[in-house]
């Protein structure tokens, strides 16, 4: 049976001896540069998204509120997790060793933030499912209080999972595998259902004389759905290195993941930078508000 311990998966133990190799040193320097450049942008863009949704009534709908909650986790990822990766890499470059306990703590902390981010993506997808599938009951199901309960539940579950990773790792590992499989099945089922419902609505619009308000509502909901699809697609792309390592571990092709753990985490954390770019690209109103916020801040700084 394959060994699923953290050391075998992350290949971070005894890494200081290999860091002396020129390619590894160059790779570590590139890793530091990437995280140093991207983490301020990640924090600033996500803070602008939160500010835009909070201060602009036109943007304060259920879908954007969940996107703002996702932006909170992405902002913390850029503010805390990416600097940890930079510090981790610098310590290894200087030739200092890091205990497995500290490595486990860093990896767990980053994993907690990333898990919170991906669970918020799941909430955004679920909100779109209700909006498309249960249009008439949407206002009764998706309320502000229910959104608060859902987000709070996500954070409670994520922190419990983080505590388990530090105390009972084997249990947390199998729980993580169950979460990954459940998320994959959930998104597959959700988007299959949404696709069928969307096609049905489009056929109704083409063949029947529907009220103009209903047509506008469908167009609006469908546009928000496409934004969610891009967000989920970005998550999948950023998680490809992690998925690859899980596959090679499960199949027994490698005892240790061939991809460096810091590169895997960096690829996953870049999703926190991509998300606000998707919001601005897909929502003209949010783009205008964020640009206005940025202009105001620059103007104040100049004065």
C-alpha atoms as a PDB file:
ATOM      1  CA  UNK A   1       0.000   0.000   0.000  1.00  0.00           C
ATOM      2  CA  UNK A   2       1.291   3.472  -0.842  1.00  0.00           C
ATOM      3  CA  UNK A   3       2.485   5.663   1.998  1.00  0.00           C
ATOM      4  CA  UNK A   4       0.254   8.730   2.257  1.00  0.00           C
ATOM      5  CA  UNK A   5       2.266  10.593   4.854  1.00  0.00           C
ATOM      6  CA  UNK A   6       2.883  14.290   4.391  1.00  0.00           C
ATOM      7  CA  UNK A   7       6.613  13.803   3.929  1.00  0.00           C
ATOM      8  CA  UNK A   8       6.123  11.357   1.073  1.00  0.00           C
ATOM      9  CA  UNK A   9       3.625  13.623  -0.652  1.00  0.00           C
ATOM     10  CA  UNK A  10       5.345  17.005  -0.308  1.00  0.00           C
ATOM     11  CA  UNK A  11       8.971  15.903  -0.876  1.00  0.00           C
ATOM     12  CA  UNK A  12      10.154  18.658   1.464  1.00  0.00           C
ATOM     13  CA  UNK A  13      12.231  16.565   3.847  1.00  0.00           C
ATOM     14  CA  UNK A  14      16.001  16.685   3.319  1.00  0.00           C
ATOM     15  CA  UNK A  15      15.499  19.297   0.634  1.00  0.00           C
ATOM     16  CA  UNK A  16      18.366  21.488   1.806  1.00  0.00           C
ATOM     17  CA  UNK A  17      20.945  19.110   0.334  1.00  0.00           C
ATOM     18  CA  UNK A  18      19.311  19.285  -3.083  1.00  0.00           C
ATOM     19  CA  UNK A  19      18.913  23.069  -3.006  1.00  0.00           C
ATOM     20  CA  UNK A  20      22.637  23.342  -3.687  1.00  0.00           C
ATOM     21  CA  UNK A  21      22.005  22.144  -7.236  1.00  0.00           C
ATOM     22  CA  UNK A  22      21.899  25.064  -9.654  1.00  0.00           C
ATOM     23  CA  UNK A  23      18.562  24.152 -11.330  1.00  0.00           C
ATOM     24  CA  UNK A  24      16.878  23.861  -7.941  1.00  0.00           C
ATOM     25  CA  UNK A  25      18.332  27.164  -6.777  1.00  0.00           C
ATOM     26  CA  UNK A  26      17.167  28.870  -9.973  1.00  0.00           C
ATOM     27  CA  UNK A  27      13.726  27.305  -9.567  1.00  0.00           C
ATOM     28  CA  UNK A  28      13.521  28.524  -5.974  1.00  0.00           C
ATOM     29  CA  UNK A  29      14.480  32.055  -7.000  1.00  0.00           C
ATOM     30  CA  UNK A  30      11.815  32.034  -9.725  1.00  0.00           C
ATOM     31  CA  UNK A  31       9.308  30.790  -7.134  1.00  0.00           C
ATOM     32  CA  UNK A  32      10.195  33.680  -4.814  1.00  0.00           C
ATOM     33  CA  UNK A  33       9.861  36.203  -7.644  1.00  0.00           C
ATOM     34  CA  UNK A  34       6.461  34.865  -8.742  1.00  0.00           C
ATOM     35  CA  UNK A  35       5.010  34.947  -5.233  1.00  0.00           C
ATOM     36  CA  UNK A  36       6.561  38.322  -4.434  1.00  0.00           C
ATOM     37  CA  UNK A  37       5.009  39.903  -7.532  1.00  0.00           C
ATOM     38  CA  UNK A  38       1.606  38.246  -7.298  1.00  0.00           C
ATOM     39  CA  UNK A  39       0.754  38.374  -3.596  1.00  0.00           C
ATOM     40  CA  UNK A  40       0.312  42.200  -3.388  1.00  0.00           C
ATOM     41  CA  UNK A  41      -1.855  42.100  -6.521  1.00  0.00           C
ATOM     42  CA  UNK A  42      -3.909  39.252  -5.041  1.00  0.00           C
ATOM     43  CA  UNK A  43      -4.550  41.163  -1.809  1.00  0.00           C
ATOM     44  CA  UNK A  44      -5.330  44.502  -3.472  1.00  0.00           C
ATOM     45  CA  UNK A  45      -7.657  43.127  -6.155  1.00  0.00           C
ATOM     46  CA  UNK A  46      -9.655  41.017  -3.706  1.00  0.00           C
ATOM     47  CA  UNK A  47      -9.940  43.899  -1.248  1.00  0.00           C
ATOM     48  CA  UNK A  48     -11.288  46.054  -4.105  1.00  0.00           C
ATOM     49  CA  UNK A  49     -13.874  43.361  -4.895  1.00  0.00           C
ATOM     50  CA  UNK A  50     -14.992  43.231  -1.243  1.00  0.00           C
ATOM     51  CA  UNK A  51     -15.153  47.031  -1.088  1.00  0.00           C
ATOM     52  CA  UNK A  52     -17.115  47.243  -4.348  1.00  0.00           C
ATOM     53  CA  UNK A  53     -19.774  44.739  -3.248  1.00  0.00           C
ATOM     54  CA  UNK A  54     -20.056  46.280   0.218  1.00  0.00           C
ATOM     55  CA  UNK A  55     -20.424  49.903  -0.890  1.00  0.00           C
ATOM     56  CA  UNK A  56     -22.356  49.556  -4.173  1.00  0.00           C
ATOM     57  CA  UNK A  57     -26.071  48.658  -3.840  1.00  0.00           C
ATOM     58  CA  UNK A  58     -26.274  47.595  -7.505  1.00  0.00           C
ATOM     59  CA  UNK A  59     -23.651  44.913  -6.860  1.00  0.00           C
ATOM     60  CA  UNK A  60     -25.097  43.693  -3.564  1.00  0.00           C
ATOM     61  CA  UNK A  61     -26.965  40.634  -4.825  1.00  0.00           C
ATOM     62  CA  UNK A  62     -26.665  37.074  -3.495  1.00  0.00           C
ATOM     63  CA  UNK A  63     -24.262  35.935  -6.192  1.00  0.00           C
ATOM     64  CA  UNK A  64     -21.883  38.850  -5.638  1.00  0.00           C
ATOM     65  CA  UNK A  65     -22.106  38.502  -1.847  1.00  0.00           C
ATOM     66  CA  UNK A  66     -20.797  34.948  -2.186  1.00  0.00           C
ATOM     67  CA  UNK A  67     -18.108  36.190  -4.570  1.00  0.00           C
ATOM     68  CA  UNK A  68     -17.123  38.760  -1.929  1.00  0.00           C
ATOM     69  CA  UNK A  69     -16.905  35.976   0.678  1.00  0.00           C
ATOM     70  CA  UNK A  70     -14.691  34.053  -1.746  1.00  0.00           C
ATOM     71  CA  UNK A  71     -12.621  37.227  -2.170  1.00  0.00           C
ATOM     72  CA  UNK A  72     -12.076  37.295   1.625  1.00  0.00           C
ATOM     73  CA  UNK A  73     -10.485  33.842   1.565  1.00  0.00           C
ATOM     74  CA  UNK A  74      -8.466  34.760  -1.535  1.00  0.00           C
ATOM     75  CA  UNK A  75      -7.235  37.954   0.123  1.00  0.00           C
ATOM     76  CA  UNK A  76      -6.068  36.002   3.186  1.00  0.00           C
ATOM     77  CA  UNK A  77      -4.386  33.507   0.881  1.00  0.00           C
ATOM     78  CA  UNK A  78      -2.370  36.300  -0.701  1.00  0.00           C
ATOM     79  CA  UNK A  79      -1.725  38.078   2.596  1.00  0.00           C
ATOM     80  CA  UNK A  80      -0.651  35.071   4.688  1.00  0.00           C
ATOM     81  CA  UNK A  81      -0.036  31.962   2.599  1.00  0.00           C
ATOM     82  CA  UNK A  82       2.114  33.346  -0.213  1.00  0.00           C
ATOM     83  CA  UNK A  83       4.504  35.164   2.177  1.00  0.00           C
ATOM     84  CA  UNK A  84       4.825  31.856   4.068  1.00  0.00           C
ATOM     85  CA  UNK A  85       5.921  30.147   0.856  1.00  0.00           C
ATOM     86  CA  UNK A  86       8.422  32.958   0.237  1.00  0.00           C
ATOM     87  CA  UNK A  87       9.820  32.628   3.777  1.00  0.00           C
ATOM     88  CA  UNK A  88       9.905  28.837   3.473  1.00  0.00           C
ATOM     89  CA  UNK A  89      11.894  29.019   0.225  1.00  0.00           C
ATOM     90  CA  UNK A  90      14.323  31.663   1.506  1.00  0.00           C
ATOM     91  CA  UNK A  91      15.131  29.582   4.597  1.00  0.00           C
ATOM     92  CA  UNK A  92      15.878  26.559   2.426  1.00  0.00           C
ATOM     93  CA  UNK A  93      18.007  28.645   0.046  1.00  0.00           C
ATOM     94  CA  UNK A  94      20.094  29.869   2.973  1.00  0.00           C
ATOM     95  CA  UNK A  95      20.869  26.249   3.804  1.00  0.00           C
ATOM     96  CA  UNK A  96      18.895  26.036   7.033  1.00  0.00           C
ATOM     97  CA  UNK A  97      16.911  22.916   7.808  1.00  0.00           C
ATOM     98  CA  UNK A  98      13.239  23.001   8.744  1.00  0.00           C
ATOM     99  CA  UNK A  99      11.773  20.512  11.171  1.00  0.00           C
ATOM    100  CA  UNK A 100       8.974  18.265   9.964  1.00  0.00           C
ATOM    101  CA  UNK A 101       6.686  19.764  12.630  1.00  0.00           C
ATOM    102  CA  UNK A 102       7.115  23.276  11.236  1.00  0.00           C
ATOM    103  CA  UNK A 103       6.698  21.979   7.693  1.00  0.00           C
ATOM    104  CA  UNK A 104       3.491  20.198   8.668  1.00  0.00           C
ATOM    105  CA  UNK A 105       2.162  23.367  10.322  1.00  0.00           C
ATOM    106  CA  UNK A 106       2.920  25.538   7.286  1.00  0.00           C
ATOM    107  CA  UNK A 107       1.443  23.004   4.891  1.00  0.00           C
ATOM    108  CA  UNK A 108      -1.678  22.639   7.064  1.00  0.00           C
ATOM    109  CA  UNK A 109      -2.176  26.402   7.315  1.00  0.00           C
ATOM    110  CA  UNK A 110      -1.937  26.847   3.557  1.00  0.00           C
ATOM    111  CA  UNK A 111      -4.196  23.826   3.000  1.00  0.00           C
ATOM    112  CA  UNK A 112      -6.832  25.323   5.346  1.00  0.00           C
ATOM    113  CA  UNK A 113      -6.975  28.590   3.406  1.00  0.00           C
ATOM    114  CA  UNK A 114      -7.062  26.860   0.032  1.00  0.00           C
ATOM    115  CA  UNK A 115      -9.788  24.472   1.208  1.00  0.00           C
ATOM    116  CA  UNK A 116     -11.854  27.430   2.425  1.00  0.00           C
ATOM    117  CA  UNK A 117     -11.462  29.098  -0.952  1.00  0.00           C
ATOM    118  CA  UNK A 118     -12.529  25.995  -2.869  1.00  0.00           C
ATOM    119  CA  UNK A 119     -15.530  25.401  -0.596  1.00  0.00           C
ATOM    120  CA  UNK A 120     -16.663  28.960  -1.265  1.00  0.00           C
ATOM    121  CA  UNK A 121     -16.490  28.145  -4.973  1.00  0.00           C
ATOM    122  CA  UNK A 122     -18.794  25.239  -4.184  1.00  0.00           C
ATOM    123  CA  UNK A 123     -21.246  27.632  -2.492  1.00  0.00           C
ATOM    124  CA  UNK A 124     -21.175  29.936  -5.530  1.00  0.00           C
ATOM    125  CA  UNK A 125     -21.960  26.970  -7.780  1.00  0.00           C
ATOM    126  CA  UNK A 126     -24.783  25.797  -5.494  1.00  0.00           C
ATOM    127  CA  UNK A 127     -26.329  29.280  -5.528  1.00  0.00           C
ATOM    128  CA  UNK A 128     -26.357  29.213  -9.334  1.00  0.00           C
ATOM    129  CA  UNK A 129     -27.999  25.778  -9.289  1.00  0.00           C
ATOM    130  CA  UNK A 130     -30.849  27.078  -7.138  1.00  0.00           C
ATOM    131  CA  UNK A 131     -31.207  30.210  -9.280  1.00  0.00           C
ATOM    132  CA  UNK A 132     -31.544  28.167 -12.488  1.00  0.00           C
ATOM    133  CA  UNK A 133     -33.344  25.056 -11.220  1.00  0.00           C
ATOM    134  CA  UNK A 134     -35.664  26.560  -8.571  1.00  0.00           C
ATOM    135  CA  UNK A 135     -36.291  30.034  -9.917  1.00  0.00           C
ATOM    136  CA  UNK A 136     -39.654  30.546  -8.213  1.00  0.00           C
ATOM    137  CA  UNK A 137     -38.413  29.392  -4.780  1.00  0.00           C
ATOM    138  CA  UNK A 138     -35.025  31.145  -5.052  1.00  0.00           C
ATOM    139  CA  UNK A 139     -35.922  34.171  -2.907  1.00  0.00           C
ATOM    140  CA  UNK A 140     -37.135  31.904  -0.094  1.00  0.00           C
ATOM    141  CA  UNK A 141     -34.144  29.534  -0.192  1.00  0.00           C
ATOM    142  CA  UNK A 142     -31.246  31.913  -0.780  1.00  0.00           C
ATOM    143  CA  UNK A 143     -31.648  34.561   1.910  1.00  0.00           C
ATOM    144  CA  UNK A 144     -29.035  36.728   3.589  1.00  0.00           C
ATOM    145  CA  UNK A 145     -29.302  34.726   6.827  1.00  0.00           C
ATOM    146  CA  UNK A 146     -28.934  31.431   4.975  1.00  0.00           C
ATOM    147  CA  UNK A 147     -25.852  32.776   3.199  1.00  0.00           C
ATOM    148  CA  UNK A 148     -24.301  33.731   6.552  1.00  0.00           C
ATOM    149  CA  UNK A 149     -25.036  30.277   7.972  1.00  0.00           C
ATOM    150  CA  UNK A 150     -23.543  28.576   4.907  1.00  0.00           C
ATOM    151  CA  UNK A 151     -20.335  30.651   4.982  1.00  0.00           C
ATOM    152  CA  UNK A 152     -19.954  30.191   8.745  1.00  0.00           C
ATOM    153  CA  UNK A 153     -20.446  26.429   8.356  1.00  0.00           C
ATOM    154  CA  UNK A 154     -17.711  26.321   5.732  1.00  0.00           C
ATOM    155  CA  UNK A 155     -15.220  28.050   8.032  1.00  0.00           C
ATOM    156  CA  UNK A 156     -16.101  25.799  10.985  1.00  0.00           C
ATOM    157  CA  UNK A 157     -15.669  22.663   8.877  1.00  0.00           C
ATOM    158  CA  UNK A 158     -12.396  23.917   7.384  1.00  0.00           C
ATOM    159  CA  UNK A 159     -10.877  24.700  10.790  1.00  0.00           C
ATOM    160  CA  UNK A 160     -11.948  21.298  12.162  1.00  0.00           C
ATOM    161  CA  UNK A 161     -10.274  19.668   9.174  1.00  0.00           C
ATOM    162  CA  UNK A 162      -7.144  21.728   9.850  1.00  0.00           C
ATOM    163  CA  UNK A 163      -7.051  20.621  13.489  1.00  0.00           C
ATOM    164  CA  UNK A 164      -7.442  17.002  12.409  1.00  0.00           C
ATOM    165  CA  UNK A 165      -4.527  17.405   9.992  1.00  0.00           C
ATOM    166  CA  UNK A 166      -2.313  18.483  12.887  1.00  0.00           C
ATOM    167  CA  UNK A 167      -3.505  15.820  15.353  1.00  0.00           C
ATOM    168  CA  UNK A 168      -4.927  12.797  13.538  1.00  0.00           C
ATOM    169  CA  UNK A 169      -3.397  13.094  10.083  1.00  0.00           C
ATOM    170  CA  UNK A 170      -4.559   9.739   8.737  1.00  0.00           C
ATOM    171  CA  UNK A 171      -8.198  10.554   9.504  1.00  0.00           C
ATOM    172  CA  UNK A 172      -7.833  14.021   7.962  1.00  0.00           C
ATOM    173  CA  UNK A 173      -6.167  12.534   4.885  1.00  0.00           C
ATOM    174  CA  UNK A 174      -9.053  10.175   4.170  1.00  0.00           C
ATOM    175  CA  UNK A 175     -11.480  12.999   4.941  1.00  0.00           C
ATOM    176  CA  UNK A 176      -9.676  15.176   2.409  1.00  0.00           C
ATOM    177  CA  UNK A 177      -9.936  12.437  -0.201  1.00  0.00           C
ATOM    178  CA  UNK A 178     -13.658  12.125   0.515  1.00  0.00           C
ATOM    179  CA  UNK A 179     -14.046  15.903   0.185  1.00  0.00           C
ATOM    180  CA  UNK A 180     -12.237  15.940  -3.179  1.00  0.00           C
ATOM    181  CA  UNK A 181     -14.358  13.098  -4.578  1.00  0.00           C
ATOM    182  CA  UNK A 182     -17.558  14.691  -3.236  1.00  0.00           C
ATOM    183  CA  UNK A 183     -16.669  18.051  -4.791  1.00  0.00           C
ATOM    184  CA  UNK A 184     -15.967  16.454  -8.166  1.00  0.00           C
ATOM    185  CA  UNK A 185     -19.257  14.554  -8.113  1.00  0.00           C
ATOM    186  CA  UNK A 186     -21.138  17.626  -6.882  1.00  0.00           C
ATOM    187  CA  UNK A 187     -19.848  19.882  -9.651  1.00  0.00           C
ATOM    188  CA  UNK A 188     -20.387  17.204 -12.310  1.00  0.00           C
ATOM    189  CA  UNK A 189     -23.986  16.654 -11.223  1.00  0.00           C
ATOM    190  CA  UNK A 190     -24.632  20.380 -10.744  1.00  0.00           C
ATOM    191  CA  UNK A 191     -23.403  21.478 -14.155  1.00  0.00           C
ATOM    192  CA  UNK A 192     -25.191  18.604 -15.878  1.00  0.00           C
ATOM    193  CA  UNK A 193     -28.427  19.720 -14.216  1.00  0.00           C
ATOM    194  CA  UNK A 194     -27.789  23.383 -14.975  1.00  0.00           C
ATOM    195  CA  UNK A 195     -27.002  22.599 -18.617  1.00  0.00           C
ATOM    196  CA  UNK A 196     -30.287  20.731 -19.034  1.00  0.00           C
ATOM    197  CA  UNK A 197     -32.262  23.509 -17.344  1.00  0.00           C
ATOM    198  CA  UNK A 198     -30.541  26.184 -19.423  1.00  0.00           C
ATOM    199  CA  UNK A 199     -31.310  24.348 -22.662  1.00  0.00           C
ATOM    200  CA  UNK A 200     -34.937  23.975 -21.590  1.00  0.00           C
ATOM    201  CA  UNK A 201     -35.239  27.710 -20.873  1.00  0.00           C
ATOM    202  CA  UNK A 202     -33.634  28.578 -24.201  1.00  0.00           C
ATOM    203  CA  UNK A 203     -36.096  26.368 -26.070  1.00  0.00           C
ATOM    204  CA  UNK A 204     -38.995  28.029 -24.224  1.00  0.00           C
ATOM    205  CA  UNK A 205     -37.714  31.462 -25.224  1.00  0.00           C
ATOM    206  CA  UNK A 206     -37.376  30.376 -28.872  1.00  0.00           C
ATOM    207  CA  UNK A 207     -40.730  28.609 -29.160  1.00  0.00           C
ATOM    208  CA  UNK A 208     -42.982  30.563 -26.781  1.00  0.00           C
ATOM    209  CA  UNK A 209     -43.888  34.177 -26.235  1.00  0.00           C
ATOM    210  CA  UNK A 210     -42.564  34.578 -22.691  1.00  0.00           C
ATOM    211  CA  UNK A 211     -42.915  37.791 -20.694  1.00  0.00           C
ATOM    212  CA  UNK A 212     -40.030  40.203 -21.200  1.00  0.00           C
ATOM    213  CA  UNK A 213     -39.251  40.255 -17.484  1.00  0.00           C
ATOM    214  CA  UNK A 214     -38.784  36.484 -17.430  1.00  0.00           C
ATOM    215  CA  UNK A 215     -36.493  36.611 -20.457  1.00  0.00           C
ATOM    216  CA  UNK A 216     -34.376  39.371 -18.875  1.00  0.00           C
ATOM    217  CA  UNK A 217     -34.149  37.422 -15.625  1.00  0.00           C
ATOM    218  CA  UNK A 218     -32.977  34.301 -17.453  1.00  0.00           C
ATOM    219  CA  UNK A 219     -30.347  36.272 -19.386  1.00  0.00           C
ATOM    220  CA  UNK A 220     -29.082  37.816 -16.147  1.00  0.00           C
ATOM    221  CA  UNK A 221     -28.941  34.482 -14.320  1.00  0.00           C
ATOM    222  CA  UNK A 222     -27.259  32.825 -17.296  1.00  0.00           C
ATOM    223  CA  UNK A 223     -24.580  35.512 -17.393  1.00  0.00           C
ATOM    224  CA  UNK A 224     -23.835  34.972 -13.701  1.00  0.00           C
ATOM    225  CA  UNK A 225     -23.707  31.232 -14.394  1.00  0.00           C
ATOM    226  CA  UNK A 226     -21.065  31.721 -17.081  1.00  0.00           C
ATOM    227  CA  UNK A 227     -18.978  33.687 -14.581  1.00  0.00           C
ATOM    228  CA  UNK A 228     -19.213  30.742 -12.182  1.00  0.00           C
ATOM    229  CA  UNK A 229     -18.145  28.349 -14.944  1.00  0.00           C
ATOM    230  CA  UNK A 230     -15.002  30.410 -15.569  1.00  0.00           C
ATOM    231  CA  UNK A 231     -14.251  30.462 -11.828  1.00  0.00           C
ATOM    232  CA  UNK A 232     -14.564  26.673 -11.528  1.00  0.00           C
ATOM    233  CA  UNK A 233     -12.471  26.241 -14.681  1.00  0.00           C
ATOM    234  CA  UNK A 234      -9.726  28.392 -13.179  1.00  0.00           C
ATOM    235  CA  UNK A 235      -9.789  26.268 -10.009  1.00  0.00           C
ATOM    236  CA  UNK A 236      -9.396  23.084 -12.054  1.00  0.00           C
ATOM    237  CA  UNK A 237      -6.435  24.484 -14.008  1.00  0.00           C
ATOM    238  CA  UNK A 238      -4.668  25.718 -10.863  1.00  0.00           C
ATOM    239  CA  UNK A 239      -5.172  22.345  -9.144  1.00  0.00           C
ATOM    240  CA  UNK A 240      -3.772  20.259 -12.009  1.00  0.00           C
ATOM    241  CA  UNK A 241      -0.314  19.804 -10.360  1.00  0.00           C
ATOM    242  CA  UNK A 242      -1.954  18.662  -7.100  1.00  0.00           C
ATOM    243  CA  UNK A 243      -4.247  16.266  -8.952  1.00  0.00           C
ATOM    244  CA  UNK A 244      -1.289  14.878 -10.893  1.00  0.00           C
ATOM    245  CA  UNK A 245       0.588  14.127  -7.678  1.00  0.00           C
ATOM    246  CA  UNK A 246      -2.445  12.421  -6.154  1.00  0.00           C
ATOM    247  CA  UNK A 247      -2.774  10.256  -9.265  1.00  0.00           C
ATOM    248  CA  UNK A 248       0.873   9.180  -9.342  1.00  0.00           C
ATOM    249  CA  UNK A 249       0.761   8.454  -5.600  1.00  0.00           C
ATOM    250  CA  UNK A 250      -2.402   6.385  -5.788  1.00  0.00           C
ATOM    251  CA  UNK A 251      -1.219   4.436  -8.838  1.00  0.00           C
ATOM    252  CA  UNK A 252       2.176   3.818  -7.230  1.00  0.00           C
ATOM    253  CA  UNK A 253       4.200   5.321 -10.091  1.00  0.00           C
ATOM    254  CA  UNK A 254       6.249   7.385  -7.620  1.00  0.00           C
ATOM    255  CA  UNK A 255       6.893   7.012  -3.897  1.00  0.00           C
ATOM    256  CA  UNK A 256       7.450  10.772  -3.679  1.00  0.00           C
ATOM    257  CA  UNK A 257       5.576  13.335  -5.747  1.00  0.00           C
ATOM    258  CA  UNK A 258       7.844  14.500  -8.614  1.00  0.00           C
ATOM    259  CA  UNK A 259       6.499  18.059  -8.380  1.00  0.00           C
ATOM    260  CA  UNK A 260       7.942  20.240  -5.623  1.00  0.00           C
ATOM    261  CA  UNK A 261       5.372  20.976  -2.899  1.00  0.00           C
ATOM    262  CA  UNK A 262       6.060  24.711  -2.986  1.00  0.00           C
ATOM    263  CA  UNK A 263       5.339  24.822  -6.723  1.00  0.00           C
ATOM    264  CA  UNK A 264       2.108  22.877  -6.214  1.00  0.00           C
ATOM    265  CA  UNK A 265       0.963  25.294  -3.526  1.00  0.00           C
ATOM    266  CA  UNK A 266       1.971  28.306  -5.604  1.00  0.00           C
ATOM    267  CA  UNK A 267      -0.041  27.087  -8.597  1.00  0.00           C
ATOM    268  CA  UNK A 268      -3.050  26.519  -6.344  1.00  0.00           C
ATOM    269  CA  UNK A 269      -2.697  29.949  -4.708  1.00  0.00           C
ATOM    270  CA  UNK A 270      -2.497  31.728  -8.069  1.00  0.00           C
ATOM    271  CA  UNK A 271      -6.193  30.935  -8.336  1.00  0.00           C
ATOM    272  CA  UNK A 272      -6.748  33.652  -5.707  1.00  0.00           C
ATOM    273  CA  UNK A 273      -5.312  36.173  -8.173  1.00  0.00           C
ATOM    274  CA  UNK A 274      -7.251  34.842 -11.160  1.00  0.00           C
ATOM    275  CA  UNK A 275     -10.661  34.999  -9.431  1.00  0.00           C
ATOM    276  CA  UNK A 276     -10.951  38.815  -9.091  1.00  0.00           C
ATOM    277  CA  UNK A 277      -9.707  39.201 -12.659  1.00  0.00           C
ATOM    278  CA  UNK A 278     -12.604  36.985 -13.763  1.00  0.00           C
ATOM    279  CA  UNK A 279     -15.102  39.092 -11.770  1.00  0.00           C
ATOM    280  CA  UNK A 280     -13.876  42.281 -13.398  1.00  0.00           C
ATOM    281  CA  UNK A 281     -13.827  40.726 -16.848  1.00  0.00           C
ATOM    282  CA  UNK A 282     -17.341  39.324 -16.582  1.00  0.00           C
ATOM    283  CA  UNK A 283     -19.039  42.197 -14.694  1.00  0.00           C
ATOM    284  CA  UNK A 284     -18.829  45.620 -16.300  1.00  0.00           C
ATOM    285  CA  UNK A 285     -20.381  47.336 -13.277  1.00  0.00           C
ATOM    286  CA  UNK A 286     -17.842  45.821 -10.883  1.00  0.00           C
ATOM    287  CA  UNK A 287     -15.034  46.785 -13.234  1.00  0.00           C
ATOM    288  CA  UNK A 288     -16.232  50.394 -13.247  1.00  0.00           C
ATOM    289  CA  UNK A 289     -16.580  50.524  -9.465  1.00  0.00           C
ATOM    290  CA  UNK A 290     -13.157  48.968  -8.834  1.00  0.00           C
ATOM    291  CA  UNK A 291     -11.535  51.340 -11.326  1.00  0.00           C
ATOM    292  CA  UNK A 292     -13.215  54.238  -9.550  1.00  0.00           C
ATOM    293  CA  UNK A 293     -11.996  53.016  -6.174  1.00  0.00           C
ATOM    294  CA  UNK A 294      -8.475  52.687  -7.509  1.00  0.00           C
ATOM    295  CA  UNK A 295      -8.589  56.173  -9.050  1.00  0.00           C
ATOM    296  CA  UNK A 296      -9.867  57.664  -5.774  1.00  0.00           C
ATOM    297  CA  UNK A 297      -7.117  56.002  -3.754  1.00  0.00           C
ATOM    298  CA  UNK A 298      -4.394  57.140  -6.141  1.00  0.00           C
ATOM    299  CA  UNK A 299      -5.810  60.691  -6.101  1.00  0.00           C
ATOM    300  CA  UNK A 300      -5.756  60.809  -2.302  1.00  0.00           C
ATOM    301  CA  UNK A 301      -2.203  59.488  -2.197  1.00  0.00           C
ATOM    302  CA  UNK A 302      -1.038  62.145  -4.661  1.00  0.00           C
ATOM    303  CA  UNK A 303      -2.634  64.906  -2.575  1.00  0.00           C
END
